Amino acid sequence: MSGQKEFSGFSIDPVSISLPDEFIQHVLPGVDSLIELKLTLVCIWRMGQMEMTFPYLTLQELLEDPLVQTCLENNEDMRQQVEKILQQAANRGVLLIAKNTDDWIILLNTPKGRTAYEAIQKGLWTAFDKNEIHVGGTQVRPNIYTLYEQNIGPLTPLIADSLRDMEDTYTAEWIEEAFRIAIEMNKRNLKYINAILNRWQEEGRDERRDRRSAQKGERKYTDGKFSDIIEH
């Protein structure tokens, strides 16, 4: 492209590319448009740089982004190009797009993105806030995948299956409380969290008793019939 600064080489060694395996294996083979690939990578990169609970972009931000502008065909209407490409990426399952009268809200199709998208679709979106998405005056309640990523570690397919089973079995309130207790006890693993939930299911949950137990220590959840599945 004329006027583009010549690339003088990478500034770090070794060079690594961080893209989700799902994108490389399932999305990339089907992308036959270089412009779509460029804009999709820009969206992933931009949102990956954001230090916020629910990263998102707006259509207007993309239209004003100099990097996006270099990806487009000069002989076509810019807005039409971007809208078309974003819709293609959404049809592939890479992006989620919520449209309203003012702008488009673009999210990555991740657990956090799906949480935000669901809140928007339910009419619970209250503001364009680059720090948080708020629902009814309070922050969006994180789903189980977000809870795990934020407090335990990266998701894997096996862990995602376990979390899905947990979500089908227990209420969101129980799951959040079990995560909180595990974090307080510094037992950040699913076996510990499952042991708490199993015990509540079999013996009932007493909120006051459970708070006292969390303050006193972990013996309530590590002694007895579940002791063999707890990692110390």
C-alpha atoms as a PDB file:
ATOM      1  CA  MET A   1       0.000   0.000   0.000  1.00  0.00           C
ATOM      2  CA  SER A   2       1.466   3.371  -0.980  1.00  0.00           C
ATOM      3  CA  GLY A   3       2.395   5.602   1.923  1.00  0.00           C
ATOM      4  CA  GLN A   4       2.602   2.683   4.346  1.00  0.00           C
ATOM      5  CA  LYS A   5       5.704   2.646   6.523  1.00  0.00           C
ATOM      6  CA  GLU A   6       8.121  -0.131   5.658  1.00  0.00           C
ATOM      7  CA  PHE A   7       8.225  -2.911   8.235  1.00  0.00           C
ATOM      8  CA  SER A   8      11.684  -3.025   9.827  1.00  0.00           C
ATOM      9  CA  GLY A   9      11.264  -6.281  11.739  1.00  0.00           C
ATOM     10  CA  PHE A  10       9.940  -7.510  15.087  1.00  0.00           C
ATOM     11  CA  SER A  11      11.170  -5.895  18.296  1.00  0.00           C
ATOM     12  CA  ILE A  12      11.085  -9.043  20.452  1.00  0.00           C
ATOM     13  CA  ASP A  13      12.504 -12.522  20.236  1.00  0.00           C
ATOM     14  CA  PRO A  14      10.996 -15.084  20.124  1.00  0.00           C
ATOM     15  CA  VAL A  15       7.855 -13.968  18.321  1.00  0.00           C
ATOM     16  CA  SER A  16       4.624 -15.676  19.373  1.00  0.00           C
ATOM     17  CA  ILE A  17       1.080 -15.414  18.030  1.00  0.00           C
ATOM     18  CA  SER A  18      -1.704 -15.853  20.556  1.00  0.00           C
ATOM     19  CA  LEU A  19      -4.979 -16.890  18.960  1.00  0.00           C
ATOM     20  CA  PRO A  20      -7.527 -19.371  20.326  1.00  0.00           C
ATOM     21  CA  ASP A  21      -7.116 -22.891  18.948  1.00  0.00           C
ATOM     22  CA  GLU A  22     -10.794 -22.859  17.968  1.00  0.00           C
ATOM     23  CA  PHE A  23     -10.166 -19.903  15.653  1.00  0.00           C
ATOM     24  CA  ILE A  24      -7.217 -21.553  13.909  1.00  0.00           C
ATOM     25  CA  GLN A  25      -8.867 -24.953  13.567  1.00  0.00           C
ATOM     26  CA  HIS A  26     -12.521 -24.117  12.911  1.00  0.00           C
ATOM     27  CA  VAL A  27     -12.778 -20.530  11.656  1.00  0.00           C
ATOM     28  CA  LEU A  28      -9.647 -19.751   9.649  1.00  0.00           C
ATOM     29  CA  PRO A  29     -10.111 -22.542   7.053  1.00  0.00           C
ATOM     30  CA  GLY A  30     -13.502 -21.105   6.087  1.00  0.00           C
ATOM     31  CA  VAL A  31     -12.464 -17.450   5.742  1.00  0.00           C
ATOM     32  CA  ASP A  32     -11.936 -16.706   2.055  1.00  0.00           C
ATOM     33  CA  SER A  33     -11.911 -12.916   2.304  1.00  0.00           C
ATOM     34  CA  LEU A  34      -8.662 -11.188   3.246  1.00  0.00           C
ATOM     35  CA  ILE A  35     -10.555  -8.090   4.366  1.00  0.00           C
ATOM     36  CA  GLU A  36     -12.772 -10.146   6.672  1.00  0.00           C
ATOM     37  CA  LEU A  37      -9.714 -11.851   8.157  1.00  0.00           C
ATOM     38  CA  LYS A  38      -7.982  -8.502   8.728  1.00  0.00           C
ATOM     39  CA  LEU A  39     -10.966  -6.868  10.414  1.00  0.00           C
ATOM     40  CA  THR A  40     -11.678  -9.942  12.555  1.00  0.00           C
ATOM     41  CA  LEU A  41      -8.076  -9.995  13.793  1.00  0.00           C
ATOM     42  CA  VAL A  42      -8.246  -6.270  14.558  1.00  0.00           C
ATOM     43  CA  CYS A  43     -11.398  -6.819  16.658  1.00  0.00           C
ATOM     44  CA  ILE A  44      -9.815  -9.714  18.550  1.00  0.00           C
ATOM     45  CA  TRP A  45      -6.633  -7.732  19.139  1.00  0.00           C
ATOM     46  CA  ARG A  46      -8.404  -4.520  20.192  1.00  0.00           C
ATOM     47  CA  MET A  47     -10.650  -6.274  22.705  1.00  0.00           C
ATOM     48  CA  GLY A  48      -7.730  -8.351  23.943  1.00  0.00           C
ATOM     49  CA  GLN A  49      -5.996  -5.118  24.971  1.00  0.00           C
ATOM     50  CA  MET A  50      -8.916  -3.923  27.096  1.00  0.00           C
ATOM     51  CA  GLU A  51      -8.635  -4.253  30.870  1.00  0.00           C
ATOM     52  CA  MET A  52     -12.323  -4.523  31.606  1.00  0.00           C
ATOM     53  CA  THR A  53     -14.689  -7.242  32.715  1.00  0.00           C
ATOM     54  CA  PHE A  54     -16.714  -7.278  29.482  1.00  0.00           C
ATOM     55  CA  PRO A  55     -14.606  -6.002  26.545  1.00  0.00           C
ATOM     56  CA  TYR A  56     -16.564  -4.618  23.611  1.00  0.00           C
ATOM     57  CA  LEU A  57     -16.263  -2.299  20.633  1.00  0.00           C
ATOM     58  CA  THR A  58     -18.823  -0.142  18.898  1.00  0.00           C
ATOM     59  CA  LEU A  59     -19.331   0.220  15.169  1.00  0.00           C
ATOM     60  CA  GLN A  60     -18.474   3.907  15.411  1.00  0.00           C
ATOM     61  CA  GLU A  61     -15.173   3.112  17.126  1.00  0.00           C
ATOM     62  CA  LEU A  62     -14.246   0.752  14.327  1.00  0.00           C
ATOM     63  CA  LEU A  63     -15.159   3.283  11.652  1.00  0.00           C
ATOM     64  CA  GLU A  64     -12.844   5.802  13.309  1.00  0.00           C
ATOM     65  CA  ASP A  65     -10.010   3.325  13.848  1.00  0.00           C
ATOM     66  CA  PRO A  66      -7.043   4.099  11.534  1.00  0.00           C
ATOM     67  CA  LEU A  67      -6.018   0.436  11.591  1.00  0.00           C
ATOM     68  CA  VAL A  68      -9.455  -0.597  10.352  1.00  0.00           C
ATOM     69  CA  GLN A  69      -9.334   2.019   7.633  1.00  0.00           C
ATOM     70  CA  THR A  70      -6.130   0.500   6.209  1.00  0.00           C
ATOM     71  CA  CYS A  71      -7.884  -2.887   5.892  1.00  0.00           C
ATOM     72  CA  LEU A  72     -10.696  -1.690   3.641  1.00  0.00           C
ATOM     73  CA  GLU A  73     -11.177  -1.214  -0.076  1.00  0.00           C
ATOM     74  CA  ASN A  74     -10.842   2.466  -0.963  1.00  0.00           C
ATOM     75  CA  ASN A  75     -13.441   2.302  -3.727  1.00  0.00           C
ATOM     76  CA  GLU A  76     -16.319   1.158  -1.502  1.00  0.00           C
ATOM     77  CA  ASP A  77     -18.421   2.848   1.173  1.00  0.00           C
ATOM     78  CA  MET A  78     -16.585   2.384   4.460  1.00  0.00           C
ATOM     79  CA  ARG A  79     -19.614   1.871   6.683  1.00  0.00           C
ATOM     80  CA  GLN A  80     -21.183  -0.659   4.331  1.00  0.00           C
ATOM     81  CA  GLN A  81     -17.908  -2.602   4.164  1.00  0.00           C
ATOM     82  CA  VAL A  82     -17.491  -2.743   7.935  1.00  0.00           C
ATOM     83  CA  GLU A  83     -21.121  -3.693   8.573  1.00  0.00           C
ATOM     84  CA  LYS A  84     -20.941  -6.466   5.954  1.00  0.00           C
ATOM     85  CA  ILE A  85     -17.689  -7.877   7.340  1.00  0.00           C
ATOM     86  CA  LEU A  86     -18.854  -7.752  10.958  1.00  0.00           C
ATOM     87  CA  GLN A  87     -22.033  -9.590   9.982  1.00  0.00           C
ATOM     88  CA  GLN A  88     -19.968 -12.257   8.204  1.00  0.00           C
ATOM     89  CA  ALA A  89     -17.821 -12.720  11.316  1.00  0.00           C
ATOM     90  CA  ALA A  90     -20.967 -12.947  13.441  1.00  0.00           C
ATOM     91  CA  ASN A  91     -22.447 -15.565  11.093  1.00  0.00           C
ATOM     92  CA  ARG A  92     -19.271 -17.619  11.588  1.00  0.00           C
ATOM     93  CA  GLY A  93     -19.759 -17.431  15.350  1.00  0.00           C
ATOM     94  CA  VAL A  94     -16.660 -15.325  16.067  1.00  0.00           C
ATOM     95  CA  LEU A  95     -18.459 -12.112  17.040  1.00  0.00           C
ATOM     96  CA  LEU A  96     -21.727 -11.208  18.724  1.00  0.00           C
ATOM     97  CA  ILE A  97     -23.490  -8.069  17.535  1.00  0.00           C
ATOM     98  CA  ALA A  98     -26.192  -6.192  19.406  1.00  0.00           C
ATOM     99  CA  LYS A  99     -27.813  -3.463  17.315  1.00  0.00           C
ATOM    100  CA  ASN A 100     -29.769  -0.460  18.509  1.00  0.00           C
ATOM    101  CA  THR A 101     -30.804   2.887  17.089  1.00  0.00           C
ATOM    102  CA  ASP A 102     -27.549   4.577  18.102  1.00  0.00           C
ATOM    103  CA  ASP A 103     -24.774   2.093  17.379  1.00  0.00           C
ATOM    104  CA  TRP A 104     -23.699  -1.514  17.193  1.00  0.00           C
ATOM    105  CA  ILE A 105     -22.135  -3.224  20.203  1.00  0.00           C
ATOM    106  CA  ILE A 106     -19.565  -5.811  19.107  1.00  0.00           C
ATOM    107  CA  LEU A 107     -18.429  -8.561  21.478  1.00  0.00           C
ATOM    108  CA  LEU A 108     -16.273 -11.636  21.099  1.00  0.00           C
ATOM    109  CA  ASN A 109     -18.206 -14.904  21.296  1.00  0.00           C
ATOM    110  CA  THR A 110     -16.610 -15.942  24.603  1.00  0.00           C
ATOM    111  CA  PRO A 111     -18.214 -16.760  27.973  1.00  0.00           C
ATOM    112  CA  LYS A 112     -17.891 -13.107  29.034  1.00  0.00           C
ATOM    113  CA  GLY A 113     -19.133 -11.885  25.676  1.00  0.00           C
ATOM    114  CA  ARG A 114     -22.160 -14.149  25.833  1.00  0.00           C
ATOM    115  CA  THR A 115     -22.971 -12.910  29.342  1.00  0.00           C
ATOM    116  CA  ALA A 116     -22.934  -9.294  28.177  1.00  0.00           C
ATOM    117  CA  TYR A 117     -24.857 -10.086  24.996  1.00  0.00           C
ATOM    118  CA  GLU A 118     -27.595 -11.835  26.964  1.00  0.00           C
ATOM    119  CA  ALA A 119     -27.937  -8.818  29.264  1.00  0.00           C
ATOM    120  CA  ILE A 120     -28.241  -6.498  26.276  1.00  0.00           C
ATOM    121  CA  GLN A 121     -30.804  -8.725  24.563  1.00  0.00           C
ATOM    122  CA  LYS A 122     -32.928  -8.751  27.720  1.00  0.00           C
ATOM    123  CA  GLY A 123     -32.999  -4.952  27.754  1.00  0.00           C
ATOM    124  CA  LEU A 124     -30.845  -4.698  30.867  1.00  0.00           C
ATOM    125  CA  TRP A 125     -28.123  -2.575  29.273  1.00  0.00           C
ATOM    126  CA  THR A 126     -28.002   0.806  31.000  1.00  0.00           C
ATOM    127  CA  ALA A 127     -25.010   2.666  29.581  1.00  0.00           C
ATOM    128  CA  PHE A 128     -22.069   2.678  27.232  1.00  0.00           C
ATOM    129  CA  ASP A 129     -19.508   2.300  30.002  1.00  0.00           C
ATOM    130  CA  LYS A 130     -15.998   1.172  29.072  1.00  0.00           C
ATOM    131  CA  ASN A 131     -15.336   0.061  32.623  1.00  0.00           C
ATOM    132  CA  GLU A 132     -18.286  -2.237  33.242  1.00  0.00           C
ATOM    133  CA  ILE A 133     -21.593  -3.277  31.796  1.00  0.00           C
ATOM    134  CA  HIS A 134     -24.297  -2.648  34.391  1.00  0.00           C
ATOM    135  CA  VAL A 135     -27.630  -4.352  34.771  1.00  0.00           C
ATOM    136  CA  GLY A 136     -30.437  -2.702  36.683  1.00  0.00           C
ATOM    137  CA  GLY A 137     -27.971  -0.514  38.566  1.00  0.00           C
ATOM    138  CA  THR A 138     -25.652  -3.406  39.460  1.00  0.00           C
ATOM    139  CA  GLN A 139     -22.902  -5.224  37.634  1.00  0.00           C
ATOM    140  CA  VAL A 140     -23.874  -8.117  35.366  1.00  0.00           C
ATOM    141  CA  ARG A 141     -23.778 -11.358  37.307  1.00  0.00           C
ATOM    142  CA  PRO A 142     -20.893 -13.416  35.899  1.00  0.00           C
ATOM    143  CA  ASN A 143     -21.688 -16.818  34.457  1.00  0.00           C
ATOM    144  CA  ILE A 144     -19.931 -19.948  35.637  1.00  0.00           C
ATOM    145  CA  TYR A 145     -17.242 -19.795  32.942  1.00  0.00           C
ATOM    146  CA  THR A 146     -16.358 -16.216  33.872  1.00  0.00           C
ATOM    147  CA  LEU A 147     -16.212 -17.194  37.551  1.00  0.00           C
ATOM    148  CA  TYR A 148     -13.768 -19.963  36.734  1.00  0.00           C
ATOM    149  CA  GLU A 149     -11.547 -17.852  34.469  1.00  0.00           C
ATOM    150  CA  GLN A 150     -11.393 -14.955  36.902  1.00  0.00           C
ATOM    151  CA  ASN A 151     -10.764 -16.989  40.042  1.00  0.00           C
ATOM    152  CA  ILE A 152      -9.333 -20.398  39.143  1.00  0.00           C
ATOM    153  CA  GLY A 153      -7.594 -20.463  35.774  1.00  0.00           C
ATOM    154  CA  PRO A 154      -7.901 -20.902  31.987  1.00  0.00           C
ATOM    155  CA  LEU A 155     -10.759 -22.929  30.559  1.00  0.00           C
ATOM    156  CA  THR A 156     -10.147 -26.240  28.802  1.00  0.00           C
ATOM    157  CA  PRO A 157     -12.735 -28.396  27.014  1.00  0.00           C
ATOM    158  CA  LEU A 158     -12.829 -30.881  29.923  1.00  0.00           C
ATOM    159  CA  ILE A 159     -13.235 -28.121  32.504  1.00  0.00           C
ATOM    160  CA  ALA A 160     -15.942 -26.473  30.387  1.00  0.00           C
ATOM    161  CA  ASP A 161     -17.872 -29.775  30.352  1.00  0.00           C
ATOM    162  CA  SER A 162     -17.559 -30.061  34.146  1.00  0.00           C
ATOM    163  CA  LEU A 163     -18.757 -26.494  34.596  1.00  0.00           C
ATOM    164  CA  ARG A 164     -21.713 -27.115  32.314  1.00  0.00           C
ATOM    165  CA  ASP A 165     -22.725 -30.127  34.408  1.00  0.00           C
ATOM    166  CA  MET A 166     -22.362 -28.066  37.580  1.00  0.00           C
ATOM    167  CA  GLU A 167     -24.522 -25.297  36.119  1.00  0.00           C
ATOM    168  CA  ASP A 168     -27.219 -27.829  35.201  1.00  0.00           C
ATOM    169  CA  THR A 169     -27.247 -29.247  38.730  1.00  0.00           C
ATOM    170  CA  TYR A 170     -26.963 -26.265  41.083  1.00  0.00           C
ATOM    171  CA  THR A 171     -28.323 -22.733  41.300  1.00  0.00           C
ATOM    172  CA  ALA A 172     -26.192 -19.725  40.340  1.00  0.00           C
ATOM    173  CA  GLU A 173     -26.350 -18.494  43.939  1.00  0.00           C
ATOM    174  CA  TRP A 174     -24.953 -21.764  45.306  1.00  0.00           C
ATOM    175  CA  ILE A 175     -22.211 -21.868  42.680  1.00  0.00           C
ATOM    176  CA  GLU A 176     -21.071 -18.290  43.383  1.00  0.00           C
ATOM    177  CA  GLU A 177     -21.031 -18.950  47.132  1.00  0.00           C
ATOM    178  CA  ALA A 178     -19.062 -22.192  46.686  1.00  0.00           C
ATOM    179  CA  PHE A 179     -16.506 -20.357  44.552  1.00  0.00           C
ATOM    180  CA  ARG A 180     -16.235 -17.650  47.241  1.00  0.00           C
ATOM    181  CA  ILE A 181     -15.591 -20.198  49.989  1.00  0.00           C
ATOM    182  CA  ALA A 182     -12.987 -22.003  47.856  1.00  0.00           C
ATOM    183  CA  ILE A 183     -11.173 -18.722  47.236  1.00  0.00           C
ATOM    184  CA  GLU A 184     -11.233 -17.791  50.923  1.00  0.00           C
ATOM    185  CA  MET A 185      -9.810 -21.203  51.818  1.00  0.00           C
ATOM    186  CA  ASN A 186      -7.212 -20.902  49.029  1.00  0.00           C
ATOM    187  CA  LYS A 187      -8.498 -24.159  47.531  1.00  0.00           C
ATOM    188  CA  ARG A 188      -8.879 -23.020  43.944  1.00  0.00           C
ATOM    189  CA  ASN A 189      -9.964 -26.229  42.217  1.00  0.00           C
ATOM    190  CA  LEU A 190     -13.198 -27.760  40.995  1.00  0.00           C
ATOM    191  CA  LYS A 191     -12.978 -30.808  43.276  1.00  0.00           C
ATOM    192  CA  TYR A 192     -13.176 -28.583  46.340  1.00  0.00           C
ATOM    193  CA  ILE A 193     -16.029 -26.530  44.895  1.00  0.00           C
ATOM    194  CA  ASN A 194     -17.927 -29.675  43.902  1.00  0.00           C
ATOM    195  CA  ALA A 195     -17.453 -31.097  47.404  1.00  0.00           C
ATOM    196  CA  ILE A 196     -19.102 -27.999  48.893  1.00  0.00           C
ATOM    197  CA  LEU A 197     -22.021 -28.202  46.465  1.00  0.00           C
ATOM    198  CA  ASN A 198     -22.467 -31.948  46.957  1.00  0.00           C
ATOM    199  CA  ARG A 199     -22.605 -31.504  50.710  1.00  0.00           C
ATOM    200  CA  TRP A 200     -25.168 -28.720  50.452  1.00  0.00           C
ATOM    201  CA  GLN A 201     -27.289 -30.863  48.165  1.00  0.00           C
ATOM    202  CA  GLU A 202     -27.213 -33.877  50.475  1.00  0.00           C
ATOM    203  CA  GLU A 203     -27.372 -32.150  53.865  1.00  0.00           C
ATOM    204  CA  GLY A 204     -28.969 -28.805  53.086  1.00  0.00           C
ATOM    205  CA  ARG A 205     -27.426 -25.387  53.190  1.00  0.00           C
ATOM    206  CA  ASP A 206     -27.499 -23.235  56.319  1.00  0.00           C
ATOM    207  CA  GLU A 207     -26.149 -19.818  55.363  1.00  0.00           C
ATOM    208  CA  ARG A 208     -25.217 -18.749  58.886  1.00  0.00           C
ATOM    209  CA  ARG A 209     -23.594 -22.069  59.681  1.00  0.00           C
ATOM    210  CA  ASP A 210     -21.690 -22.060  56.384  1.00  0.00           C
ATOM    211  CA  ARG A 211     -20.341 -18.569  56.988  1.00  0.00           C
ATOM    212  CA  ARG A 212     -19.068 -19.602  60.418  1.00  0.00           C
ATOM    213  CA  SER A 213     -17.490 -22.691  58.899  1.00  0.00           C
ATOM    214  CA  ALA A 214     -15.754 -20.638  56.207  1.00  0.00           C
ATOM    215  CA  GLN A 215     -14.379 -18.300  58.847  1.00  0.00           C
ATOM    216  CA  LYS A 216     -13.153 -21.124  61.096  1.00  0.00           C
ATOM    217  CA  GLY A 217     -11.490 -23.207  58.426  1.00  0.00           C
ATOM    218  CA  GLU A 218     -11.911 -25.878  55.802  1.00  0.00           C
ATOM    219  CA  ARG A 219     -12.555 -29.024  57.892  1.00  0.00           C
ATOM    220  CA  LYS A 220     -16.295 -28.945  57.200  1.00  0.00           C
ATOM    221  CA  TYR A 221     -15.645 -29.581  53.507  1.00  0.00           C
ATOM    222  CA  THR A 222     -12.556 -31.786  53.697  1.00  0.00           C
ATOM    223  CA  ASP A 223     -13.547 -34.247  56.430  1.00  0.00           C
ATOM    224  CA  GLY A 224     -15.818 -37.222  55.974  1.00  0.00           C
ATOM    225  CA  LYS A 225     -17.194 -38.726  52.789  1.00  0.00           C
ATOM    226  CA  PHE A 226     -15.750 -36.117  50.408  1.00  0.00           C
ATOM    227  CA  SER A 227     -12.217 -36.128  51.823  1.00  0.00           C
ATOM    228  CA  ASP A 228     -10.919 -38.472  49.125  1.00  0.00           C
ATOM    229  CA  ILE A 229     -11.707 -36.056  46.300  1.00  0.00           C
ATOM    230  CA  ILE A 230     -10.241 -32.901  47.835  1.00  0.00           C
ATOM    231  CA  GLU A 231      -6.800 -31.819  46.686  1.00  0.00           C
ATOM    232  CA  HIS A 232      -4.748 -30.464  49.589  1.00  0.00           C
END
